[in-house]
Amino acid sequence: MHHDGVGCVLGVAAYLYIATGIFLIARKTGTDNAWFAFVPILNLILLLQIADRPIWWFLLLMIPLVNVVIAVIVWMGIAEARGKPGWVGILMILPGVNLVVIGYLALSA
């Protein structure tokens, strides 16, 4: 019995959940082009815009290990843009918890 379809469905569901979360965060922060959340690569540009970081940081997100540090800094900026403490962004490095953080930042007041 093959379960390839299950993995594919779960992958698409996770992608849509994360993209929708980023979309809602962009809308709540008044960031232009919230639809970028659903387009690979453009979604990284959108995250940088929400966090008020320079677009050239996109290049840093392409460098292994450096990207982890930059992503944490960006998510800290996103948390602050949503009026939450910056340390919430640090939680994005924890698998599973990161999904809760995106939901929290997207859906909280």
N, C-alpha and C. Protein backbone atom coordinates (compact mmCIF):
# COMPACT_ATOMS: atom_id res chain seq x y z
N MET A 1 0.85 -1.18 0.00
CA MET A 1 0.00 0.00 0.00
C MET A 1 0.89 1.24 0.00
N HIS A 2 0.60 2.17 -0.87
CA HIS A 2 1.38 3.40 -0.99
C HIS A 2 0.68 4.54 -0.28
N HIS A 3 1.48 5.34 0.39
CA HIS A 3 0.95 6.49 1.12
C HIS A 3 1.51 7.79 0.56
N ASP A 4 1.97 7.76 -0.68
CA ASP A 4 2.53 8.96 -1.29
C ASP A 4 1.50 10.09 -1.33
N GLY A 5 0.28 9.76 -1.58
CA GLY A 5 -0.78 10.76 -1.65
C GLY A 5 -0.99 11.47 -0.33
N VAL A 6 -0.86 10.72 0.77
CA VAL A 6 -1.04 11.31 2.09
C VAL A 6 0.03 12.36 2.35
N GLY A 7 1.27 12.03 2.03
CA GLY A 7 2.36 12.99 2.21
C GLY A 7 2.18 14.23 1.36
N CYS A 8 1.71 14.02 0.14
CA CYS A 8 1.47 15.15 -0.76
C CYS A 8 0.38 16.05 -0.21
N VAL A 9 -0.71 15.45 0.24
CA VAL A 9 -1.82 16.23 0.80
C VAL A 9 -1.37 16.98 2.04
N LEU A 10 -0.61 16.32 2.92
CA LEU A 10 -0.12 17.00 4.12
C LEU A 10 0.83 18.14 3.76
N GLY A 11 1.67 17.94 2.77
CA GLY A 11 2.59 18.99 2.32
C GLY A 11 1.85 20.20 1.78
N VAL A 12 0.84 19.96 0.96
CA VAL A 12 0.04 21.06 0.40
C VAL A 12 -0.72 21.77 1.52
N ALA A 13 -1.27 21.00 2.47
CA ALA A 13 -2.00 21.61 3.59
C ALA A 13 -1.08 22.49 4.43
N ALA A 14 0.14 22.01 4.71
CA ALA A 14 1.10 22.81 5.48
C ALA A 14 1.49 24.08 4.73
N TYR A 15 1.72 23.95 3.42
CA TYR A 15 2.08 25.11 2.61
C TYR A 15 0.96 26.15 2.64
N LEU A 16 -0.28 25.70 2.47
CA LEU A 16 -1.42 26.62 2.47
C LEU A 16 -1.63 27.27 3.83
N TYR A 17 -1.42 26.51 4.91
CA TYR A 17 -1.54 27.05 6.26
C TYR A 17 -0.51 28.17 6.47
N ILE A 18 0.75 27.89 6.13
CA ILE A 18 1.83 28.87 6.32
C ILE A 18 1.60 30.09 5.43
N ALA A 19 1.27 29.85 4.17
CA ALA A 19 1.04 30.96 3.24
C ALA A 19 -0.13 31.83 3.69
N THR A 20 -1.21 31.18 4.16
CA THR A 20 -2.36 31.94 4.64
C THR A 20 -1.99 32.75 5.88
N GLY A 21 -1.18 32.16 6.76
CA GLY A 21 -0.72 32.88 7.95
C GLY A 21 0.09 34.11 7.57
N ILE A 22 1.02 33.94 6.64
CA ILE A 22 1.84 35.08 6.20
C ILE A 22 0.95 36.13 5.52
N PHE A 23 -0.01 35.68 4.73
CA PHE A 23 -0.95 36.59 4.07
C PHE A 23 -1.69 37.43 5.11
N LEU A 24 -2.21 36.78 6.15
CA LEU A 24 -2.96 37.50 7.19
C LEU A 24 -2.06 38.46 7.97
N ILE A 25 -0.84 38.03 8.24
CA ILE A 25 0.12 38.91 8.93
C ILE A 25 0.38 40.14 8.08
N ALA A 26 0.58 39.95 6.79
CA ALA A 26 0.83 41.08 5.88
C ALA A 26 -0.36 42.03 5.87
N ARG A 27 -1.56 41.47 5.81
CA ARG A 27 -2.76 42.32 5.81
C ARG A 27 -2.87 43.11 7.11
N LYS A 28 -2.61 42.45 8.25
CA LYS A 28 -2.75 43.11 9.54
C LYS A 28 -1.67 44.16 9.77
N THR A 29 -0.53 44.03 9.08
CA THR A 29 0.53 45.03 9.24
C THR A 29 0.47 46.09 8.14
N GLY A 30 -0.53 45.98 7.26
CA GLY A 30 -0.68 46.96 6.19
C GLY A 30 0.40 46.88 5.13
N THR A 31 1.02 45.72 4.99
CA THR A 31 2.08 45.52 4.00
C THR A 31 1.45 45.28 2.62
N ASP A 32 1.96 45.98 1.62
CA ASP A 32 1.45 45.83 0.25
C ASP A 32 1.75 44.43 -0.29
N ASN A 33 0.96 44.03 -1.28
CA ASN A 33 1.16 42.76 -1.99
C ASN A 33 1.12 41.54 -1.08
N ALA A 34 0.12 41.48 -0.21
CA ALA A 34 -0.02 40.34 0.70
C ALA A 34 -0.09 39.01 -0.07
N TRP A 35 -0.57 39.06 -1.30
CA TRP A 35 -0.69 37.83 -2.12
C TRP A 35 0.66 37.19 -2.40
N PHE A 36 1.76 37.94 -2.22
CA PHE A 36 3.11 37.36 -2.37
C PHE A 36 3.27 36.13 -1.47
N ALA A 37 2.49 36.07 -0.39
CA ALA A 37 2.60 34.97 0.57
C ALA A 37 2.42 33.61 -0.09
N PHE A 38 1.68 33.56 -1.18
CA PHE A 38 1.37 32.29 -1.83
C PHE A 38 2.35 31.92 -2.95
N VAL A 39 3.33 32.79 -3.21
CA VAL A 39 4.27 32.56 -4.32
C VAL A 39 5.67 32.32 -3.75
N PRO A 40 6.26 31.15 -4.03
CA PRO A 40 7.62 30.90 -3.56
C PRO A 40 8.57 32.01 -4.01
N ILE A 41 9.55 32.32 -3.23
CA ILE A 41 10.54 33.38 -3.40
C ILE A 41 9.91 34.73 -3.06
N LEU A 42 8.78 35.06 -3.68
CA LEU A 42 8.13 36.33 -3.34
C LEU A 42 7.70 36.35 -1.88
N ASN A 43 7.38 35.18 -1.33
CA ASN A 43 6.97 35.16 0.07
C ASN A 43 8.12 35.58 0.99
N LEU A 44 9.34 35.28 0.59
CA LEU A 44 10.49 35.72 1.39
C LEU A 44 10.65 37.24 1.31
N ILE A 45 10.41 37.80 0.14
CA ILE A 45 10.45 39.25 -0.03
C ILE A 45 9.38 39.89 0.86
N LEU A 46 8.21 39.30 0.89
CA LEU A 46 7.12 39.81 1.72
C LEU A 46 7.50 39.77 3.20
N LEU A 47 8.10 38.68 3.64
CA LEU A 47 8.53 38.58 5.04
C LEU A 47 9.52 39.69 5.39
N LEU A 48 10.45 39.96 4.48
CA LEU A 48 11.42 41.04 4.71
C LEU A 48 10.71 42.38 4.80
N GLN A 49 9.71 42.60 3.96
CA GLN A 49 8.97 43.85 3.99
C GLN A 49 8.19 44.00 5.30
N ILE A 50 7.55 42.95 5.74
CA ILE A 50 6.80 43.00 7.00
C ILE A 50 7.74 43.33 8.16
N ALA A 51 8.93 42.71 8.16
CA ALA A 51 9.91 42.90 9.23
C ALA A 51 10.69 44.20 9.09
N ASP A 52 10.44 44.94 8.01
CA ASP A 52 11.13 46.20 7.72
C ASP A 52 12.65 45.99 7.64
N ARG A 53 13.02 44.96 6.90
CA ARG A 53 14.44 44.66 6.65
C ARG A 53 14.72 44.91 5.18
N PRO A 54 15.99 45.19 4.84
CA PRO A 54 16.32 45.48 3.44
C PRO A 54 16.11 44.26 2.54
N ILE A 55 15.68 44.52 1.32
CA ILE A 55 15.41 43.44 0.35
C ILE A 55 16.67 42.63 0.07
N TRP A 56 17.85 43.25 0.11
CA TRP A 56 19.07 42.50 -0.19
C TRP A 56 19.33 41.39 0.82
N TRP A 57 18.64 41.41 1.98
CA TRP A 57 18.77 40.32 2.93
C TRP A 57 18.28 39.00 2.34
N PHE A 58 17.53 39.10 1.23
CA PHE A 58 17.10 37.89 0.53
C PHE A 58 18.32 37.02 0.21
N LEU A 59 19.42 37.66 -0.18
CA LEU A 59 20.64 36.91 -0.49
C LEU A 59 21.16 36.16 0.74
N LEU A 60 21.04 36.78 1.90
CA LEU A 60 21.49 36.13 3.14
C LEU A 60 20.62 34.91 3.45
N LEU A 61 19.36 34.97 3.06
CA LEU A 61 18.46 33.83 3.27
C LEU A 61 18.81 32.64 2.39
N MET A 62 19.68 32.84 1.40
CA MET A 62 20.09 31.77 0.50
C MET A 62 21.38 31.09 0.95
N ILE A 63 22.01 31.59 2.02
CA ILE A 63 23.28 31.04 2.49
C ILE A 63 23.03 30.09 3.66
N PRO A 64 23.40 28.83 3.50
CA PRO A 64 23.20 27.86 4.58
C PRO A 64 23.81 28.34 5.90
N LEU A 65 23.14 28.05 6.98
CA LEU A 65 23.47 28.43 8.36
C LEU A 65 23.24 29.92 8.62
N VAL A 66 23.73 30.78 7.72
CA VAL A 66 23.46 32.21 7.85
C VAL A 66 21.95 32.43 7.78
N ASN A 67 21.28 31.66 6.92
CA ASN A 67 19.84 31.83 6.75
C ASN A 67 19.05 31.57 8.03
N VAL A 68 19.55 30.69 8.89
CA VAL A 68 18.85 30.42 10.15
C VAL A 68 18.87 31.66 11.03
N VAL A 69 20.03 32.29 11.14
CA VAL A 69 20.17 33.49 11.96
C VAL A 69 19.32 34.62 11.38
N ILE A 70 19.40 34.82 10.09
CA ILE A 70 18.63 35.88 9.43
C ILE A 70 17.13 35.63 9.57
N ALA A 71 16.72 34.39 9.41
CA ALA A 71 15.29 34.07 9.54
C ALA A 71 14.79 34.38 10.95
N VAL A 72 15.58 34.08 11.96
CA VAL A 72 15.18 34.40 13.33
C VAL A 72 15.05 35.92 13.50
N ILE A 73 16.01 36.67 12.99
CA ILE A 73 15.95 38.13 13.08
C ILE A 73 14.71 38.66 12.35
N VAL A 74 14.44 38.11 11.17
CA VAL A 74 13.26 38.53 10.40
C VAL A 74 11.98 38.21 11.17
N TRP A 75 11.86 37.01 11.70
CA TRP A 75 10.65 36.65 12.44
C TRP A 75 10.51 37.45 13.73
N MET A 76 11.62 37.84 14.33
CA MET A 76 11.55 38.74 15.49
C MET A 76 10.96 40.09 15.06
N GLY A 77 11.38 40.58 13.91
CA GLY A 77 10.84 41.83 13.37
C GLY A 77 9.37 41.70 13.02
N ILE A 78 8.97 40.55 12.51
CA ILE A 78 7.56 40.32 12.18
C ILE A 78 6.72 40.31 13.46
N ALA A 79 7.22 39.64 14.50
CA ALA A 79 6.50 39.63 15.78
C ALA A 79 6.32 41.05 16.30
N GLU A 80 7.38 41.85 16.23
CA GLU A 80 7.31 43.23 16.70
C GLU A 80 6.35 44.05 15.84
N ALA A 81 6.33 43.78 14.53
CA ALA A 81 5.41 44.49 13.63
C ALA A 81 3.96 44.18 13.99
N ARG A 82 3.73 43.02 14.59
CA ARG A 82 2.38 42.64 15.04
C ARG A 82 2.11 43.08 16.47
N GLY A 83 3.07 43.82 17.07
CA GLY A 83 2.89 44.31 18.43
C GLY A 83 3.16 43.27 19.50
N LYS A 84 3.88 42.23 19.13
CA LYS A 84 4.23 41.15 20.07
C LYS A 84 5.71 41.27 20.43
N PRO A 85 6.12 40.65 21.54
CA PRO A 85 7.55 40.70 21.90
C PRO A 85 8.41 40.01 20.85
N GLY A 86 9.59 40.54 20.60
CA GLY A 86 10.49 39.99 19.60
C GLY A 86 10.86 38.54 19.85
N TRP A 87 10.92 38.14 21.13
CA TRP A 87 11.34 36.76 21.43
C TRP A 87 10.38 35.72 20.83
N VAL A 88 9.15 36.12 20.53
CA VAL A 88 8.20 35.19 19.90
C VAL A 88 8.79 34.69 18.57
N GLY A 89 9.50 35.56 17.85
CA GLY A 89 10.11 35.18 16.58
C GLY A 89 11.17 34.10 16.74
N ILE A 90 11.83 34.08 17.88
CA ILE A 90 12.86 33.06 18.13
C ILE A 90 12.24 31.66 18.14
N LEU A 91 10.99 31.58 18.55
CA LEU A 91 10.31 30.28 18.62
C LEU A 91 10.14 29.64 17.24
N MET A 92 10.33 30.41 16.19
CA MET A 92 10.18 29.87 14.83
C MET A 92 11.22 28.80 14.50
N ILE A 93 12.29 28.71 15.28
CA ILE A 93 13.29 27.68 15.01
C ILE A 93 12.89 26.31 15.57
N LEU A 94 11.78 26.27 16.32
CA LEU A 94 11.35 25.02 16.93
C LEU A 94 10.28 24.34 16.06
N PRO A 95 10.60 23.17 15.52
CA PRO A 95 9.63 22.47 14.68
C PRO A 95 8.33 22.22 15.43
N GLY A 96 7.23 22.41 14.75
CA GLY A 96 5.92 22.25 15.37
C GLY A 96 5.46 23.52 16.06
N VAL A 97 6.31 24.06 16.92
CA VAL A 97 6.00 25.32 17.61
C VAL A 97 5.88 26.44 16.58
N ASN A 98 6.70 26.35 15.52
CA ASN A 98 6.67 27.41 14.50
C ASN A 98 5.28 27.53 13.86
N LEU A 99 4.58 26.42 13.72
CA LEU A 99 3.23 26.48 13.16
C LEU A 99 2.26 27.19 14.09
N VAL A 100 2.44 26.98 15.39
CA VAL A 100 1.63 27.68 16.38
C VAL A 100 1.93 29.18 16.35
N VAL A 101 3.22 29.52 16.24
CA VAL A 101 3.63 30.93 16.21
C VAL A 101 3.02 31.65 15.02
N ILE A 102 3.03 31.02 13.85
CA ILE A 102 2.44 31.66 12.66
C ILE A 102 0.95 31.89 12.90
N GLY A 103 0.26 30.91 13.43
CA GLY A 103 -1.16 31.08 13.74
C GLY A 103 -1.40 32.18 14.74
N TYR A 104 -0.56 32.24 15.77
CA TYR A 104 -0.68 33.28 16.80
C TYR A 104 -0.48 34.67 16.19
N LEU A 105 0.58 34.84 15.40
CA LEU A 105 0.84 36.14 14.81
C LEU A 105 -0.22 36.52 13.78
N ALA A 106 -0.79 35.53 13.11
CA ALA A 106 -1.79 35.81 12.07
C ALA A 106 -3.18 36.10 12.66
N LEU A 107 -3.52 35.43 13.74
CA LEU A 107 -4.91 35.47 14.22
C LEU A 107 -5.12 36.29 15.49
N SER A 108 -4.06 36.62 16.22
CA SER A 108 -4.24 37.37 17.46
C SER A 108 -4.57 38.84 17.16
N ALA A 109 -5.11 39.48 18.17
CA ALA A 109 -5.49 40.90 18.01
C ALA A 109 -4.30 41.80 17.95
